Amino acid sequence: MEILLSIAQLARATFYYHLKRMNKNDKYETAREEITAIYHENKGRYGYRRITEELRQRKILLNHKTVQRLMKEQGLVCRVRMRKYRSYKGEVGKIAPNLLNRDFSTTAEHFKQELLEYLDYYNNRRIKLKLKGLTPALHRLQALSVA
């Protein structure tokens, strides 16, 4: 025995520890059988969470981490993946009638006239109203004295 232990480079206590452990009954033997049964009843679609719930309904109380570990040891993996949520529901609502028929054309003269009127309004009348008849320098001085 000593020669075998020295060849295996194993301590005597370690050898006897593992020997004793091999002869010990499995604590989770019934749970393993139930887990396997539940897994195959549901064609491999149940993961550890649903199997844990099913075990609780069958009056076998195990922590979900224990169920997960036992499933991993037995090679039981849930193959079903969640489908990705897609919010697209097709055409929803009303489509407005195409009254313009994509005809956005205008004459250049009409555009120039509108632009001149707008610039005239903005540069002359609007600014005069804002300045209240004062020159820009006087208006600025008055605004700074109030503040």
N, C-alpha and C. Protein backbone atom coordinates (compact mmCIF):
# COMPACT_ATOMS: atom_id res chain seq x y z
N MET A 1 0.83 -1.20 0.00
CA MET A 1 0.00 0.00 0.00
C MET A 1 0.87 1.26 0.00
N GLU A 2 1.89 1.26 0.81
CA GLU A 2 2.80 2.43 0.88
C GLU A 2 3.47 2.67 -0.46
N ILE A 3 3.82 1.59 -1.15
CA ILE A 3 4.49 1.73 -2.44
C ILE A 3 3.55 2.36 -3.47
N LEU A 4 2.29 1.92 -3.48
CA LEU A 4 1.30 2.48 -4.41
C LEU A 4 1.05 3.96 -4.15
N LEU A 5 0.96 4.31 -2.88
CA LEU A 5 0.73 5.72 -2.52
C LEU A 5 1.92 6.59 -2.92
N SER A 6 3.12 6.06 -2.77
CA SER A 6 4.30 6.86 -3.13
C SER A 6 4.39 7.01 -4.65
N ILE A 7 4.02 5.96 -5.40
CA ILE A 7 4.03 6.06 -6.86
C ILE A 7 2.99 7.06 -7.34
N ALA A 8 1.80 7.04 -6.72
CA ALA A 8 0.72 7.96 -7.11
C ALA A 8 0.91 9.35 -6.54
N GLN A 9 1.91 9.50 -5.68
CA GLN A 9 2.17 10.76 -4.98
C GLN A 9 0.90 11.25 -4.29
N LEU A 10 0.36 10.36 -3.46
CA LEU A 10 -0.90 10.62 -2.78
C LEU A 10 -0.72 10.35 -1.30
N ALA A 11 -1.22 11.25 -0.47
CA ALA A 11 -1.14 11.03 0.97
C ALA A 11 -2.11 9.94 1.39
N ARG A 12 -1.78 9.22 2.46
CA ARG A 12 -2.63 8.13 2.91
C ARG A 12 -4.00 8.65 3.34
N ALA A 13 -4.04 9.81 3.99
CA ALA A 13 -5.31 10.39 4.45
C ALA A 13 -6.20 10.73 3.24
N THR A 14 -5.62 11.23 2.17
CA THR A 14 -6.38 11.57 0.97
C THR A 14 -6.97 10.31 0.35
N PHE A 15 -6.18 9.23 0.32
CA PHE A 15 -6.67 7.97 -0.23
C PHE A 15 -7.88 7.47 0.55
N TYR A 16 -7.77 7.47 1.87
CA TYR A 16 -8.87 6.97 2.70
C TYR A 16 -10.08 7.91 2.66
N TYR A 17 -9.81 9.19 2.52
CA TYR A 17 -10.92 10.16 2.39
C TYR A 17 -11.75 9.84 1.15
N HIS A 18 -11.09 9.64 0.02
CA HIS A 18 -11.81 9.36 -1.22
C HIS A 18 -12.46 7.97 -1.20
N LEU A 19 -11.81 7.00 -0.54
CA LEU A 19 -12.39 5.67 -0.42
C LEU A 19 -13.68 5.72 0.39
N LYS A 20 -13.65 6.46 1.48
CA LYS A 20 -14.84 6.59 2.34
C LYS A 20 -15.96 7.31 1.59
N ARG A 21 -15.58 8.32 0.80
CA ARG A 21 -16.56 9.11 0.06
C ARG A 21 -17.23 8.30 -1.06
N MET A 22 -16.49 7.38 -1.66
CA MET A 22 -17.05 6.55 -2.72
C MET A 22 -18.12 5.61 -2.19
N ASN A 23 -17.97 5.16 -0.95
CA ASN A 23 -18.94 4.22 -0.36
C ASN A 23 -20.16 4.92 0.21
N LYS A 24 -20.12 6.24 0.29
CA LYS A 24 -21.21 7.02 0.88
C LYS A 24 -22.38 7.11 -0.10
N ASN A 25 -23.62 7.10 0.41
CA ASN A 25 -24.81 7.24 -0.43
C ASN A 25 -24.92 8.67 -0.95
N ASP A 26 -25.48 8.80 -2.16
CA ASP A 26 -25.66 10.12 -2.75
C ASP A 26 -26.82 10.82 -2.07
N LYS A 27 -26.56 12.01 -1.56
CA LYS A 27 -27.56 12.79 -0.84
C LYS A 27 -28.71 13.23 -1.75
N TYR A 28 -28.41 13.47 -3.02
CA TYR A 28 -29.39 14.00 -3.95
C TYR A 28 -29.87 12.96 -4.96
N GLU A 29 -29.81 11.69 -4.62
CA GLU A 29 -30.15 10.63 -5.59
C GLU A 29 -31.60 10.75 -6.07
N THR A 30 -32.54 10.92 -5.14
CA THR A 30 -33.95 11.05 -5.56
C THR A 30 -34.18 12.35 -6.32
N ALA A 31 -33.50 13.40 -5.89
CA ALA A 31 -33.65 14.69 -6.57
C ALA A 31 -33.12 14.59 -8.00
N ARG A 32 -32.01 13.90 -8.19
CA ARG A 32 -31.46 13.73 -9.54
C ARG A 32 -32.45 13.01 -10.44
N GLU A 33 -33.07 11.96 -9.91
CA GLU A 33 -34.05 11.21 -10.70
C GLU A 33 -35.25 12.07 -11.07
N GLU A 34 -35.73 12.85 -10.10
CA GLU A 34 -36.88 13.73 -10.36
C GLU A 34 -36.53 14.81 -11.39
N ILE A 35 -35.34 15.37 -11.25
CA ILE A 35 -34.91 16.41 -12.19
C ILE A 35 -34.85 15.85 -13.61
N THR A 36 -34.28 14.66 -13.73
CA THR A 36 -34.20 14.02 -15.05
C THR A 36 -35.58 13.73 -15.61
N ALA A 37 -36.48 13.25 -14.72
CA ALA A 37 -37.83 12.94 -15.16
C ALA A 37 -38.56 14.20 -15.64
N ILE A 38 -38.47 15.27 -14.86
CA ILE A 38 -39.13 16.53 -15.24
C ILE A 38 -38.56 17.06 -16.55
N TYR A 39 -37.25 16.99 -16.68
CA TYR A 39 -36.58 17.47 -17.89
C TYR A 39 -37.09 16.73 -19.13
N HIS A 40 -37.18 15.40 -19.03
CA HIS A 40 -37.60 14.60 -20.19
C HIS A 40 -39.11 14.67 -20.42
N GLU A 41 -39.90 14.87 -19.35
CA GLU A 41 -41.35 15.03 -19.52
C GLU A 41 -41.66 16.26 -20.38
N ASN A 42 -40.85 17.28 -20.22
CA ASN A 42 -41.07 18.54 -20.93
C ASN A 42 -40.16 18.68 -22.14
N LYS A 43 -39.60 17.60 -22.61
CA LYS A 43 -38.81 17.52 -23.84
C LYS A 43 -37.63 18.49 -23.85
N GLY A 44 -37.02 18.68 -22.70
CA GLY A 44 -35.83 19.52 -22.61
C GLY A 44 -36.10 21.00 -22.67
N ARG A 45 -37.35 21.39 -22.49
CA ARG A 45 -37.68 22.82 -22.59
C ARG A 45 -37.62 23.54 -21.25
N TYR A 46 -37.49 22.80 -20.16
CA TYR A 46 -37.45 23.41 -18.84
C TYR A 46 -36.00 23.66 -18.43
N GLY A 47 -35.74 24.85 -17.94
CA GLY A 47 -34.44 25.19 -17.37
C GLY A 47 -34.49 25.00 -15.87
N TYR A 48 -33.43 25.42 -15.18
CA TYR A 48 -33.35 25.15 -13.74
C TYR A 48 -34.42 25.89 -12.95
N ARG A 49 -34.86 27.05 -13.41
CA ARG A 49 -35.88 27.80 -12.66
C ARG A 49 -37.22 27.07 -12.67
N ARG A 50 -37.64 26.63 -13.85
CA ARG A 50 -38.92 25.95 -13.95
C ARG A 50 -38.86 24.57 -13.31
N ILE A 51 -37.71 23.92 -13.39
CA ILE A 51 -37.57 22.62 -12.73
C ILE A 51 -37.62 22.79 -11.22
N THR A 52 -37.01 23.86 -10.70
CA THR A 52 -37.08 24.13 -9.25
C THR A 52 -38.52 24.31 -8.81
N GLU A 53 -39.30 25.06 -9.58
CA GLU A 53 -40.71 25.25 -9.25
C GLU A 53 -41.49 23.93 -9.31
N GLU A 54 -41.20 23.13 -10.30
CA GLU A 54 -41.87 21.83 -10.43
C GLU A 54 -41.51 20.93 -9.26
N LEU A 55 -40.26 20.97 -8.83
CA LEU A 55 -39.84 20.18 -7.66
C LEU A 55 -40.57 20.63 -6.40
N ARG A 56 -40.76 21.94 -6.26
CA ARG A 56 -41.49 22.46 -5.08
C ARG A 56 -42.93 21.99 -5.09
N GLN A 57 -43.53 21.92 -6.29
CA GLN A 57 -44.90 21.41 -6.39
C GLN A 57 -44.96 19.93 -6.03
N ARG A 58 -43.85 19.22 -6.27
CA ARG A 58 -43.79 17.80 -5.92
C ARG A 58 -43.25 17.59 -4.52
N LYS A 59 -43.19 18.64 -3.73
CA LYS A 59 -42.77 18.62 -2.32
C LYS A 59 -41.29 18.23 -2.13
N ILE A 60 -40.45 18.55 -3.09
CA ILE A 60 -39.00 18.37 -2.94
C ILE A 60 -38.41 19.77 -2.91
N LEU A 61 -37.93 20.16 -1.74
CA LEU A 61 -37.43 21.53 -1.56
C LEU A 61 -35.91 21.56 -1.76
N LEU A 62 -35.50 22.19 -2.84
CA LEU A 62 -34.08 22.37 -3.14
C LEU A 62 -33.85 23.81 -3.58
N ASN A 63 -32.69 24.31 -3.24
CA ASN A 63 -32.30 25.64 -3.68
C ASN A 63 -32.09 25.62 -5.20
N HIS A 64 -32.39 26.74 -5.85
CA HIS A 64 -32.24 26.80 -7.30
C HIS A 64 -30.79 26.59 -7.75
N LYS A 65 -29.84 27.00 -6.90
CA LYS A 65 -28.44 26.80 -7.24
C LYS A 65 -28.07 25.32 -7.21
N THR A 66 -28.66 24.60 -6.27
CA THR A 66 -28.42 23.16 -6.20
C THR A 66 -28.99 22.47 -7.44
N VAL A 67 -30.20 22.87 -7.83
CA VAL A 67 -30.82 22.29 -9.03
C VAL A 67 -29.96 22.59 -10.24
N GLN A 68 -29.46 23.80 -10.32
CA GLN A 68 -28.62 24.19 -11.46
C GLN A 68 -27.34 23.35 -11.49
N ARG A 69 -26.73 23.14 -10.33
CA ARG A 69 -25.51 22.34 -10.26
C ARG A 69 -25.77 20.89 -10.65
N LEU A 70 -26.87 20.32 -10.13
CA LEU A 70 -27.19 18.93 -10.46
C LEU A 70 -27.48 18.76 -11.95
N MET A 71 -28.18 19.74 -12.53
CA MET A 71 -28.46 19.68 -13.97
C MET A 71 -27.15 19.75 -14.76
N LYS A 72 -26.23 20.60 -14.32
CA LYS A 72 -24.95 20.73 -15.02
C LYS A 72 -24.16 19.44 -14.93
N GLU A 73 -24.17 18.79 -13.75
CA GLU A 73 -23.46 17.53 -13.59
C GLU A 73 -24.03 16.44 -14.49
N GLN A 74 -25.35 16.48 -14.71
CA GLN A 74 -25.99 15.46 -15.53
C GLN A 74 -26.00 15.84 -17.01
N GLY A 75 -25.58 17.05 -17.33
CA GLY A 75 -25.54 17.49 -18.72
C GLY A 75 -26.91 17.86 -19.28
N LEU A 76 -27.82 18.28 -18.40
CA LEU A 76 -29.16 18.68 -18.83
C LEU A 76 -29.17 20.18 -19.07
N VAL A 77 -29.37 20.58 -20.33
CA VAL A 77 -29.35 21.99 -20.69
C VAL A 77 -30.62 22.32 -21.44
N CYS A 78 -31.26 23.40 -21.05
CA CYS A 78 -32.47 23.85 -21.73
C CYS A 78 -32.06 24.45 -23.08
N ARG A 79 -32.64 23.96 -24.16
CA ARG A 79 -32.25 24.39 -25.50
C ARG A 79 -33.10 25.53 -26.04
N VAL A 80 -34.17 25.89 -25.37
CA VAL A 80 -35.10 26.89 -25.89
C VAL A 80 -34.55 28.28 -25.58
N ARG A 81 -34.54 29.13 -26.57
CA ARG A 81 -34.12 30.52 -26.38
C ARG A 81 -35.35 31.42 -26.50
N MET A 82 -35.34 32.51 -25.77
CA MET A 82 -36.44 33.46 -25.85
C MET A 82 -36.40 34.14 -27.21
N ARG A 83 -37.58 34.35 -27.77
CA ARG A 83 -37.65 35.06 -29.04
C ARG A 83 -37.51 36.56 -28.78
N LYS A 84 -36.82 37.24 -29.64
CA LYS A 84 -36.59 38.67 -29.47
C LYS A 84 -37.89 39.43 -29.72
N TYR A 85 -38.15 40.41 -28.87
CA TYR A 85 -39.37 41.20 -28.99
C TYR A 85 -39.26 42.14 -30.17
N ARG A 86 -40.29 42.15 -31.00
CA ARG A 86 -40.35 43.08 -32.13
C ARG A 86 -41.65 43.85 -32.03
N SER A 87 -41.56 45.15 -31.98
CA SER A 87 -42.74 45.97 -31.79
C SER A 87 -43.45 46.31 -33.11
N TYR A 88 -42.87 45.96 -34.24
CA TYR A 88 -43.45 46.31 -35.53
C TYR A 88 -44.79 45.61 -35.72
N LYS A 89 -45.82 46.38 -36.03
CA LYS A 89 -47.15 45.82 -36.19
C LYS A 89 -47.71 46.05 -37.59
N GLY A 90 -46.88 46.36 -38.54
CA GLY A 90 -47.35 46.62 -39.89
C GLY A 90 -47.76 48.08 -40.04
N GLU A 91 -48.58 48.37 -41.04
CA GLU A 91 -49.03 49.74 -41.26
C GLU A 91 -50.15 50.05 -40.28
N VAL A 92 -49.92 51.04 -39.43
CA VAL A 92 -50.89 51.44 -38.42
C VAL A 92 -51.26 52.89 -38.69
N GLY A 93 -52.53 53.20 -38.62
CA GLY A 93 -52.99 54.57 -38.81
C GLY A 93 -53.35 54.85 -40.25
N LYS A 94 -53.66 56.12 -40.51
CA LYS A 94 -54.08 56.52 -41.84
C LYS A 94 -52.95 57.21 -42.57
N ILE A 95 -52.88 56.99 -43.87
CA ILE A 95 -51.90 57.67 -44.71
C ILE A 95 -52.61 58.84 -45.38
N ALA A 96 -52.03 60.03 -45.22
CA ALA A 96 -52.66 61.24 -45.78
C ALA A 96 -52.62 61.17 -47.30
N PRO A 97 -53.65 61.72 -47.96
CA PRO A 97 -53.65 61.71 -49.43
C PRO A 97 -52.55 62.62 -49.97
N ASN A 98 -51.98 62.24 -51.09
CA ASN A 98 -50.87 62.97 -51.70
C ASN A 98 -51.44 64.07 -52.60
N LEU A 99 -51.79 65.19 -51.97
CA LEU A 99 -52.41 66.28 -52.72
C LEU A 99 -51.42 67.03 -53.61
N LEU A 100 -50.17 67.16 -53.16
CA LEU A 100 -49.18 67.91 -53.93
C LEU A 100 -48.55 67.08 -55.05
N ASN A 101 -48.66 65.78 -54.96
CA ASN A 101 -48.01 64.88 -55.92
C ASN A 101 -46.53 65.21 -56.07
N ARG A 102 -45.90 65.56 -54.96
CA ARG A 102 -44.48 65.90 -54.89
C ARG A 102 -44.10 67.04 -55.85
N ASP A 103 -45.02 68.00 -56.03
CA ASP A 103 -44.76 69.14 -56.90
C ASP A 103 -44.44 70.34 -56.02
N PHE A 104 -43.16 70.52 -55.67
CA PHE A 104 -42.75 71.61 -54.80
C PHE A 104 -42.09 72.73 -55.60
N SER A 105 -42.28 72.75 -56.86
CA SER A 105 -41.59 73.73 -57.70
C SER A 105 -42.23 75.11 -57.55
N THR A 106 -41.41 76.12 -57.72
CA THR A 106 -41.86 77.50 -57.71
C THR A 106 -40.99 78.28 -58.68
N THR A 107 -41.46 79.43 -59.09
CA THR A 107 -40.64 80.23 -60.00
C THR A 107 -39.59 80.97 -59.21
N ALA A 108 -38.47 81.22 -59.82
CA ALA A 108 -37.37 81.89 -59.16
C ALA A 108 -37.73 83.33 -58.83
N GLU A 109 -38.50 84.01 -59.70
CA GLU A 109 -38.88 85.40 -59.46
C GLU A 109 -39.78 85.51 -58.23
N HIS A 110 -40.71 84.60 -58.10
CA HIS A 110 -41.62 84.61 -56.95
C HIS A 110 -40.82 84.42 -55.65
N PHE A 111 -39.85 83.50 -55.67
CA PHE A 111 -39.02 83.24 -54.49
C PHE A 111 -38.19 84.47 -54.13
N LYS A 112 -37.60 85.13 -55.14
CA LYS A 112 -36.79 86.32 -54.89
C LYS A 112 -37.63 87.44 -54.28
N GLN A 113 -38.85 87.61 -54.78
CA GLN A 113 -39.73 88.67 -54.27
C GLN A 113 -40.09 88.40 -52.80
N GLU A 114 -40.42 87.14 -52.47
CA GLU A 114 -40.75 86.78 -51.09
C GLU A 114 -39.55 87.00 -50.17
N LEU A 115 -38.37 86.66 -50.63
CA LEU A 115 -37.16 86.81 -49.83
C LEU A 115 -36.87 88.29 -49.59
N LEU A 116 -37.02 89.13 -50.60
CA LEU A 116 -36.79 90.56 -50.43
C LEU A 116 -37.77 91.17 -49.43
N GLU A 117 -39.03 90.77 -49.53
CA GLU A 117 -40.03 91.29 -48.59
C GLU A 117 -39.69 90.89 -47.16
N TYR A 118 -39.27 89.66 -46.97
CA TYR A 118 -38.93 89.18 -45.63
C TYR A 118 -37.71 89.91 -45.08
N LEU A 119 -36.68 90.06 -45.90
CA LEU A 119 -35.47 90.75 -45.45
C LEU A 119 -35.76 92.21 -45.13
N ASP A 120 -36.59 92.84 -45.94
CA ASP A 120 -36.97 94.23 -45.69
C ASP A 120 -37.69 94.34 -44.36
N TYR A 121 -38.62 93.43 -44.12
CA TYR A 121 -39.36 93.46 -42.86
C TYR A 121 -38.41 93.26 -41.68
N TYR A 122 -37.54 92.25 -41.79
CA TYR A 122 -36.67 91.92 -40.67
C TYR A 122 -35.65 93.01 -40.40
N ASN A 123 -35.00 93.52 -41.47
CA ASN A 123 -33.92 94.49 -41.28
C ASN A 123 -34.43 95.89 -40.96
N ASN A 124 -35.61 96.25 -41.38
CA ASN A 124 -36.07 97.62 -41.20
C ASN A 124 -37.17 97.71 -40.14
N ARG A 125 -38.33 97.20 -40.46
CA ARG A 125 -39.48 97.43 -39.57
C ARG A 125 -39.34 96.71 -38.22
N ARG A 126 -38.93 95.45 -38.19
CA ARG A 126 -38.88 94.69 -36.94
C ARG A 126 -37.83 95.27 -36.00
N ILE A 127 -36.66 95.57 -36.53
CA ILE A 127 -35.58 96.11 -35.69
C ILE A 127 -35.95 97.50 -35.19
N LYS A 128 -36.63 98.33 -36.01
CA LYS A 128 -37.05 99.66 -35.57
C LYS A 128 -38.02 99.55 -34.41
N LEU A 129 -38.94 98.58 -34.48
CA LEU A 129 -39.87 98.39 -33.37
C LEU A 129 -39.12 98.00 -32.10
N LYS A 130 -38.14 97.14 -32.24
CA LYS A 130 -37.40 96.67 -31.08
C LYS A 130 -36.56 97.80 -30.47
N LEU A 131 -35.97 98.66 -31.30
CA LEU A 131 -35.12 99.75 -30.81
C LEU A 131 -35.93 100.94 -30.32
N LYS A 132 -37.21 100.96 -30.61
CA LYS A 132 -38.12 102.03 -30.19
C LYS A 132 -37.64 103.40 -30.67
N GLY A 133 -37.16 103.45 -31.90
CA GLY A 133 -36.77 104.73 -32.51
C GLY A 133 -35.38 105.20 -32.14
N LEU A 134 -34.66 104.50 -31.26
CA LEU A 134 -33.30 104.90 -30.87
C LEU A 134 -32.29 104.30 -31.84
N THR A 135 -31.09 104.85 -31.82
CA THR A 135 -30.02 104.24 -32.60
C THR A 135 -29.56 102.99 -31.85
N PRO A 136 -28.91 102.06 -32.53
CA PRO A 136 -28.47 100.84 -31.86
C PRO A 136 -27.54 101.12 -30.67
N ALA A 137 -26.65 102.11 -30.79
CA ALA A 137 -25.73 102.41 -29.69
C ALA A 137 -26.49 102.93 -28.48
N LEU A 138 -27.45 103.85 -28.69
CA LEU A 138 -28.23 104.38 -27.56
C LEU A 138 -29.11 103.29 -26.92
N HIS A 139 -29.66 102.44 -27.76
CA HIS A 139 -30.48 101.36 -27.23
C HIS A 139 -29.65 100.44 -26.32
N ARG A 140 -28.40 100.15 -26.74
CA ARG A 140 -27.53 99.29 -25.95
C ARG A 140 -27.19 99.95 -24.63
N LEU A 141 -26.89 101.24 -24.64
CA LEU A 141 -26.56 101.96 -23.41
C LEU A 141 -27.75 101.97 -22.46
N GLN A 142 -28.93 102.17 -23.00
CA GLN A 142 -30.13 102.19 -22.17
C GLN A 142 -30.38 100.81 -21.56
N ALA A 143 -30.16 99.75 -22.31
CA ALA A 143 -30.37 98.39 -21.80
C ALA A 143 -29.37 98.07 -20.72
N LEU A 144 -28.11 98.54 -20.87
CA LEU A 144 -27.10 98.26 -19.85
C LEU A 144 -27.35 99.05 -18.58
N SER A 145 -27.88 100.28 -18.68
CA SER A 145 -28.15 101.09 -17.51
C SER A 145 -29.30 100.52 -16.69
N VAL A 146 -30.25 99.88 -17.35
CA VAL A 146 -31.38 99.27 -16.64
C VAL A 146 -30.93 98.02 -15.91
N ALA A 147 -30.06 97.26 -16.53
CA ALA A 147 -29.60 96.00 -15.94
C ALA A 147 -28.62 96.32 -14.85
